[in-house]
Amino acid sequence: MAVLKVIELMANSQESWEDATKRALAQASKSVDNIRSVYIQEQSATVRDGKIDEYRVNVKVTFEVI
């Protein structure tokens, strides 16, 4: 039986929500092993001069505790 843990992270990108998610996962992977999934809980963006300035995501990362 596996024991799983979930951590919540926030990340941003000037390119896209997908890139922000990839950045969150890349950063988490530096210190967390056995990552099983990432769940995008929330997406938002900041706006400057009528255009999207920054994409933001709030994600939940699930990993196995060994």
PDB file of N, CA and C in Angstrom:
ATOM      1  N   MET A   1       0.837  -1.178   0.000  1.00  0.00           N
ATOM      2  CA  MET A   1       0.000   0.000   0.000  1.00  0.00           C
ATOM      3  C   MET A   1       0.888   1.250   0.000  1.00  0.00           C
ATOM      4  N   ALA A   2       0.606   2.168  -0.876  1.00  0.00           N
ATOM      5  CA  ALA A   2       1.393   3.397  -0.992  1.00  0.00           C
ATOM      6  C   ALA A   2       0.814   4.483  -0.089  1.00  0.00           C
ATOM      7  N   VAL A   3       1.708   5.293   0.449  1.00  0.00           N
ATOM      8  CA  VAL A   3       1.306   6.471   1.210  1.00  0.00           C
ATOM      9  C   VAL A   3       1.670   7.679   0.362  1.00  0.00           C
ATOM     10  N   LEU A   4       0.683   8.537   0.107  1.00  0.00           N
ATOM     11  CA  LEU A   4       0.889   9.698  -0.741  1.00  0.00           C
ATOM     12  C   LEU A   4       0.753  10.977   0.065  1.00  0.00           C
ATOM     13  N   LYS A   5       1.485  11.991  -0.343  1.00  0.00           N
ATOM     14  CA  LYS A   5       1.412  13.298   0.289  1.00  0.00           C
ATOM     15  C   LYS A   5       1.140  14.337  -0.790  1.00  0.00           C
ATOM     16  N   VAL A   6       0.435  15.392  -0.422  1.00  0.00           N
ATOM     17  CA  VAL A   6       0.110  16.458  -1.363  1.00  0.00           C
ATOM     18  C   VAL A   6       0.664  17.776  -0.831  1.00  0.00           C
ATOM     19  N   ILE A   7       1.368  18.497  -1.699  1.00  0.00           N
ATOM     20  CA  ILE A   7       1.824  19.841  -1.357  1.00  0.00           C
ATOM     21  C   ILE A   7       1.209  20.828  -2.340  1.00  0.00           C
ATOM     22  N   GLU A   8       1.022  22.037  -1.894  1.00  0.00           N
ATOM     23  CA  GLU A   8       0.424  23.065  -2.743  1.00  0.00           C
ATOM     24  C   GLU A   8       1.495  24.088  -3.098  1.00  0.00           C
ATOM     25  N   LEU A   9       1.572  24.427  -4.391  1.00  0.00           N
ATOM     26  CA  LEU A   9       2.569  25.369  -4.890  1.00  0.00           C
ATOM     27  C   LEU A   9       1.923  26.428  -5.761  1.00  0.00           C
ATOM     28  N   MET A  10       2.559  27.573  -5.835  1.00  0.00           N
ATOM     29  CA  MET A  10       2.138  28.620  -6.757  1.00  0.00           C
ATOM     30  C   MET A  10       3.323  28.942  -7.653  1.00  0.00           C
ATOM     31  N   ALA A  11       3.048  29.185  -8.931  1.00  0.00           N
ATOM     32  CA  ALA A  11       4.111  29.525  -9.884  1.00  0.00           C
ATOM     33  C   ALA A  11       3.574  30.516 -10.908  1.00  0.00           C
ATOM     34  N   ASN A  12       4.496  31.174 -11.594  1.00  0.00           N
ATOM     35  CA  ASN A  12       4.085  32.144 -12.606  1.00  0.00           C
ATOM     36  C   ASN A  12       4.956  32.016 -13.857  1.00  0.00           C
ATOM     37  N   SER A  13       4.454  32.605 -14.939  1.00  0.00           N
ATOM     38  CA  SER A  13       5.164  32.599 -16.212  1.00  0.00           C
ATOM     39  C   SER A  13       4.671  33.773 -17.048  1.00  0.00           C
ATOM     40  N   GLN A  14       5.514  34.285 -17.879  1.00  0.00           N
ATOM     41  CA  GLN A  14       5.095  35.332 -18.809  1.00  0.00           C
ATOM     42  C   GLN A  14       4.621  34.742 -20.129  1.00  0.00           C
ATOM     43  N   GLU A  15       4.718  33.399 -20.274  1.00  0.00           N
ATOM     44  CA  GLU A  15       4.342  32.741 -21.528  1.00  0.00           C
ATOM     45  C   GLU A  15       2.934  32.157 -21.514  1.00  0.00           C
ATOM     46  N   SER A  16       2.630  31.302 -20.502  1.00  0.00           N
ATOM     47  CA  SER A  16       1.339  30.604 -20.495  1.00  0.00           C
ATOM     48  C   SER A  16       1.091  29.929 -19.146  1.00  0.00           C
ATOM     49  N   TRP A  17      -0.155  29.474 -18.942  1.00  0.00           N
ATOM     50  CA  TRP A  17      -0.473  28.705 -17.741  1.00  0.00           C
ATOM     51  C   TRP A  17       0.254  27.361 -17.784  1.00  0.00           C
ATOM     52  N   GLU A  18       0.379  26.784 -18.964  1.00  0.00           N
ATOM     53  CA  GLU A  18       1.091  25.516 -19.104  1.00  0.00           C
ATOM     54  C   GLU A  18       2.554  25.672 -18.691  1.00  0.00           C
ATOM     55  N   ASP A  19       3.175  26.749 -19.117  1.00  0.00           N
ATOM     56  CA  ASP A  19       4.570  26.986 -18.746  1.00  0.00           C
ATOM     57  C   ASP A  19       4.697  27.216 -17.241  1.00  0.00           C
ATOM     58  N   ALA A  20       3.757  27.914 -16.653  1.00  0.00           N
ATOM     59  CA  ALA A  20       3.780  28.126 -15.203  1.00  0.00           C
ATOM     60  C   ALA A  20       3.674  26.794 -14.464  1.00  0.00           C
ATOM     61  N   THR A  21       2.834  25.886 -14.972  1.00  0.00           N
ATOM     62  CA  THR A  21       2.695  24.559 -14.371  1.00  0.00           C
ATOM     63  C   THR A  21       3.995  23.778 -14.498  1.00  0.00           C
ATOM     64  N   LYS A  22       4.611  23.840 -15.659  1.00  0.00           N
ATOM     65  CA  LYS A  22       5.888  23.149 -15.868  1.00  0.00           C
ATOM     66  C   LYS A  22       6.968  23.698 -14.933  1.00  0.00           C
ATOM     67  N   ARG A  23       6.950  24.999 -14.692  1.00  0.00           N
ATOM     68  CA  ARG A  23       7.926  25.612 -13.793  1.00  0.00           C
ATOM     69  C   ARG A  23       7.713  25.133 -12.355  1.00  0.00           C
ATOM     70  N   ALA A  24       6.457  25.036 -11.943  1.00  0.00           N
ATOM     71  CA  ALA A  24       6.159  24.543 -10.594  1.00  0.00           C
ATOM     72  C   ALA A  24       6.661  23.120 -10.426  1.00  0.00           C
ATOM     73  N   LEU A  25       6.400  22.291 -11.409  1.00  0.00           N
ATOM     74  CA  LEU A  25       6.819  20.892 -11.349  1.00  0.00           C
ATOM     75  C   LEU A  25       8.349  20.773 -11.375  1.00  0.00           C
ATOM     76  N   ALA A  26       9.002  21.560 -12.206  1.00  0.00           N
ATOM     77  CA  ALA A  26      10.462  21.520 -12.291  1.00  0.00           C
ATOM     78  C   ALA A  26      11.092  21.930 -10.964  1.00  0.00           C
ATOM     79  N   GLN A  27      10.548  22.944 -10.335  1.00  0.00           N
ATOM     80  CA  GLN A  27      11.096  23.397  -9.059  1.00  0.00           C
ATOM     81  C   GLN A  27      10.847  22.365  -7.964  1.00  0.00           C
ATOM     82  N   ALA A  28       9.642  21.784  -7.935  1.00  0.00           N
ATOM     83  CA  ALA A  28       9.322  20.761  -6.933  1.00  0.00           C
ATOM     84  C   ALA A  28      10.221  19.541  -7.109  1.00  0.00           C
ATOM     85  N   SER A  29      10.513  19.179  -8.342  1.00  0.00           N
ATOM     86  CA  SER A  29      11.332  17.996  -8.634  1.00  0.00           C
ATOM     87  C   SER A  29      12.760  18.116  -8.107  1.00  0.00           C
ATOM     88  N   LYS A  30      13.204  19.323  -7.825  1.00  0.00           N
ATOM     89  CA  LYS A  30      14.551  19.521  -7.291  1.00  0.00           C
ATOM     90  C   LYS A  30      14.689  18.979  -5.873  1.00  0.00           C
ATOM     91  N   SER A  31      13.582  18.974  -5.117  1.00  0.00           N
ATOM     92  CA  SER A  31      13.673  18.534  -3.727  1.00  0.00           C
ATOM     93  C   SER A  31      12.685  17.431  -3.351  1.00  0.00           C
ATOM     94  N   VAL A  32      11.780  17.084  -4.258  1.00  0.00           N
ATOM     95  CA  VAL A  32      10.770  16.061  -3.974  1.00  0.00           C
ATOM     96  C   VAL A  32      10.932  14.919  -4.965  1.00  0.00           C
ATOM     97  N   ASP A  33      11.031  13.694  -4.442  1.00  0.00           N
ATOM     98  CA  ASP A  33      11.133  12.501  -5.283  1.00  0.00           C
ATOM     99  C   ASP A  33       9.774  11.825  -5.413  1.00  0.00           C
ATOM    100  N   ASN A  34       9.662  10.943  -6.367  1.00  0.00           N
ATOM    101  CA  ASN A  34       8.471  10.090  -6.549  1.00  0.00           C
ATOM    102  C   ASN A  34       7.185  10.875  -6.797  1.00  0.00           C
ATOM    103  N   ILE A  35       7.270  11.955  -7.583  1.00  0.00           N
ATOM    104  CA  ILE A  35       6.075  12.740  -7.915  1.00  0.00           C
ATOM    105  C   ILE A  35       5.188  11.896  -8.819  1.00  0.00           C
ATOM    106  N   ARG A  36       3.917  11.814  -8.455  1.00  0.00           N
ATOM    107  CA  ARG A  36       2.951  11.000  -9.204  1.00  0.00           C
ATOM    108  C   ARG A  36       2.037  11.828 -10.098  1.00  0.00           C
ATOM    109  N   SER A  37       1.641  13.029  -9.627  1.00  0.00           N
ATOM    110  CA  SER A  37       0.694  13.819 -10.421  1.00  0.00           C
ATOM    111  C   SER A  37       0.745  15.290 -10.011  1.00  0.00           C
ATOM    112  N   VAL A  38       0.204  16.104 -10.890  1.00  0.00           N
ATOM    113  CA  VAL A  38       0.041  17.523 -10.591  1.00  0.00           C
ATOM    114  C   VAL A  38      -1.389  17.904 -10.968  1.00  0.00           C
ATOM    115  N   TYR A  39      -2.059  18.597 -10.065  1.00  0.00           N
ATOM    116  CA  TYR A  39      -3.446  19.014 -10.257  1.00  0.00           C
ATOM    117  C   TYR A  39      -3.488  20.537 -10.278  1.00  0.00           C
ATOM    118  N   ILE A  40      -3.993  21.096 -11.365  1.00  0.00           N
ATOM    119  CA  ILE A  40      -4.090  22.551 -11.468  1.00  0.00           C
ATOM    120  C   ILE A  40      -5.365  22.976 -10.752  1.00  0.00           C
ATOM    121  N   GLN A  41      -5.178  23.602  -9.605  1.00  0.00           N
ATOM    122  CA  GLN A  41      -6.310  23.987  -8.774  1.00  0.00           C
ATOM    123  C   GLN A  41      -6.913  25.311  -9.228  1.00  0.00           C
ATOM    124  N   GLU A  42      -6.060  26.242  -9.603  1.00  0.00           N
ATOM    125  CA  GLU A  42      -6.545  27.577  -9.947  1.00  0.00           C
ATOM    126  C   GLU A  42      -5.622  28.231 -10.958  1.00  0.00           C
ATOM    127  N   GLN A  43      -6.212  28.996 -11.865  1.00  0.00           N
ATOM    128  CA  GLN A  43      -5.443  29.771 -12.841  1.00  0.00           C
ATOM    129  C   GLN A  43      -5.858  31.232 -12.720  1.00  0.00           C
ATOM    130  N   SER A  44      -4.887  32.127 -12.833  1.00  0.00           N
ATOM    131  CA  SER A  44      -5.198  33.548 -12.834  1.00  0.00           C
ATOM    132  C   SER A  44      -4.138  34.261 -13.665  1.00  0.00           C
ATOM    133  N   ALA A  45      -4.352  35.538 -13.879  1.00  0.00           N
ATOM    134  CA  ALA A  45      -3.386  36.314 -14.662  1.00  0.00           C
ATOM    135  C   ALA A  45      -3.418  37.757 -14.203  1.00  0.00           C
ATOM    136  N   THR A  46      -2.291  38.432 -14.368  1.00  0.00           N
ATOM    137  CA  THR A  46      -2.253  39.863 -14.134  1.00  0.00           C
ATOM    138  C   THR A  46      -2.317  40.561 -15.488  1.00  0.00           C
ATOM    139  N   VAL A  47      -2.850  41.761 -15.476  1.00  0.00           N
ATOM    140  CA  VAL A  47      -3.056  42.502 -16.726  1.00  0.00           C
ATOM    141  C   VAL A  47      -2.341  43.841 -16.641  1.00  0.00           C
ATOM    142  N   ARG A  48      -1.667  44.197 -17.722  1.00  0.00           N
ATOM    143  CA  ARG A  48      -1.013  45.500 -17.826  1.00  0.00           C
ATOM    144  C   ARG A  48      -1.301  46.067 -19.208  1.00  0.00           C
ATOM    145  N   ASP A  49      -1.782  47.270 -19.265  1.00  0.00           N
ATOM    146  CA  ASP A  49      -2.097  47.966 -20.519  1.00  0.00           C
ATOM    147  C   ASP A  49      -3.048  47.150 -21.396  1.00  0.00           C
ATOM    148  N   GLY A  50      -4.024  46.487 -20.766  1.00  0.00           N
ATOM    149  CA  GLY A  50      -5.033  45.743 -21.508  1.00  0.00           C
ATOM    150  C   GLY A  50      -4.579  44.397 -22.037  1.00  0.00           C
ATOM    151  N   LYS A  51      -3.390  43.945 -21.634  1.00  0.00           N
ATOM    152  CA  LYS A  51      -2.870  42.656 -22.099  1.00  0.00           C
ATOM    153  C   LYS A  51      -2.402  41.837 -20.902  1.00  0.00           C
ATOM    154  N   ILE A  52      -2.421  40.518 -21.075  1.00  0.00           N
ATOM    155  CA  ILE A  52      -1.950  39.644 -20.002  1.00  0.00           C
ATOM    156  C   ILE A  52      -0.458  39.857 -19.803  1.00  0.00           C
ATOM    157  N   ASP A  53      -0.105  40.159 -18.574  1.00  0.00           N
ATOM    158  CA  ASP A  53       1.285  40.426 -18.219  1.00  0.00           C
ATOM    159  C   ASP A  53       1.965  39.186 -17.645  1.00  0.00           C
ATOM    160  N   GLU A  54       1.199  38.403 -16.853  1.00  0.00           N
ATOM    161  CA  GLU A  54       1.780  37.248 -16.186  1.00  0.00           C
ATOM    162  C   GLU A  54       0.688  36.210 -15.928  1.00  0.00           C
ATOM    163  N   TYR A  55       0.999  34.952 -16.239  1.00  0.00           N
ATOM    164  CA  TYR A  55       0.096  33.835 -15.983  1.00  0.00           C
ATOM    165  C   TYR A  55       0.474  33.224 -14.641  1.00  0.00           C
ATOM    166  N   ARG A  56      -0.535  32.882 -13.831  1.00  0.00           N
ATOM    167  CA  ARG A  56      -0.270  32.300 -12.517  1.00  0.00           C
ATOM    168  C   ARG A  56      -1.086  31.031 -12.326  1.00  0.00           C
ATOM    169  N   VAL A  57      -0.486  30.053 -11.655  1.00  0.00           N
ATOM    170  CA  VAL A  57      -1.203  28.817 -11.339  1.00  0.00           C
ATOM    171  C   VAL A  57      -0.988  28.466  -9.873  1.00  0.00           C
ATOM    172  N   ASN A  58      -1.994  27.854  -9.316  1.00  0.00           N
ATOM    173  CA  ASN A  58      -1.923  27.270  -7.986  1.00  0.00           C
ATOM    174  C   ASN A  58      -2.112  25.779  -8.221  1.00  0.00           C
ATOM    175  N   VAL A  59      -1.098  24.969  -7.924  1.00  0.00           N
ATOM    176  CA  VAL A  59      -1.153  23.540  -8.228  1.00  0.00           C
ATOM    177  C   VAL A  59      -0.968  22.700  -6.971  1.00  0.00           C
ATOM    178  N   LYS A  60      -1.484  21.480  -7.032  1.00  0.00           N
ATOM    179  CA  LYS A  60      -1.261  20.495  -5.983  1.00  0.00           C
ATOM    180  C   LYS A  60      -0.416  19.386  -6.592  1.00  0.00           C
ATOM    181  N   VAL A  61       0.695  19.083  -5.944  1.00  0.00           N
ATOM    182  CA  VAL A  61       1.614  18.051  -6.408  1.00  0.00           C
ATOM    183  C   VAL A  61       1.509  16.858  -5.458  1.00  0.00           C
ATOM    184  N   THR A  62       1.254  15.680  -6.023  1.00  0.00           N
ATOM    185  CA  THR A  62       1.135  14.463  -5.232  1.00  0.00           C
ATOM    186  C   THR A  62       2.373  13.600  -5.430  1.00  0.00           C
ATOM    187  N   PHE A  63       2.930  13.123  -4.307  1.00  0.00           N
ATOM    188  CA  PHE A  63       4.094  12.261  -4.393  1.00  0.00           C
ATOM    189  C   PHE A  63       4.002  11.137  -3.375  1.00  0.00           C
ATOM    190  N   GLU A  64       4.714  10.056  -3.680  1.00  0.00           N
ATOM    191  CA  GLU A  64       4.701   8.882  -2.801  1.00  0.00           C
ATOM    192  C   GLU A  64       5.751   9.037  -1.714  1.00  0.00           C
ATOM    193  N   VAL A  65       5.332   8.773  -0.482  1.00  0.00           N
ATOM    194  CA  VAL A  65       6.251   8.787   0.656  1.00  0.00           C
ATOM    195  C   VAL A  65       6.800   7.375   0.825  1.00  0.00           C
ATOM    196  N   ILE A  66       8.114   7.268   0.781  1.00  0.00           N
ATOM    197  CA  ILE A  66       8.753   5.954   0.885  1.00  0.00           C
ATOM    198  C   ILE A  66       9.408   5.799   2.242  1.00  0.00           C
TER     199      ILE A  66
END
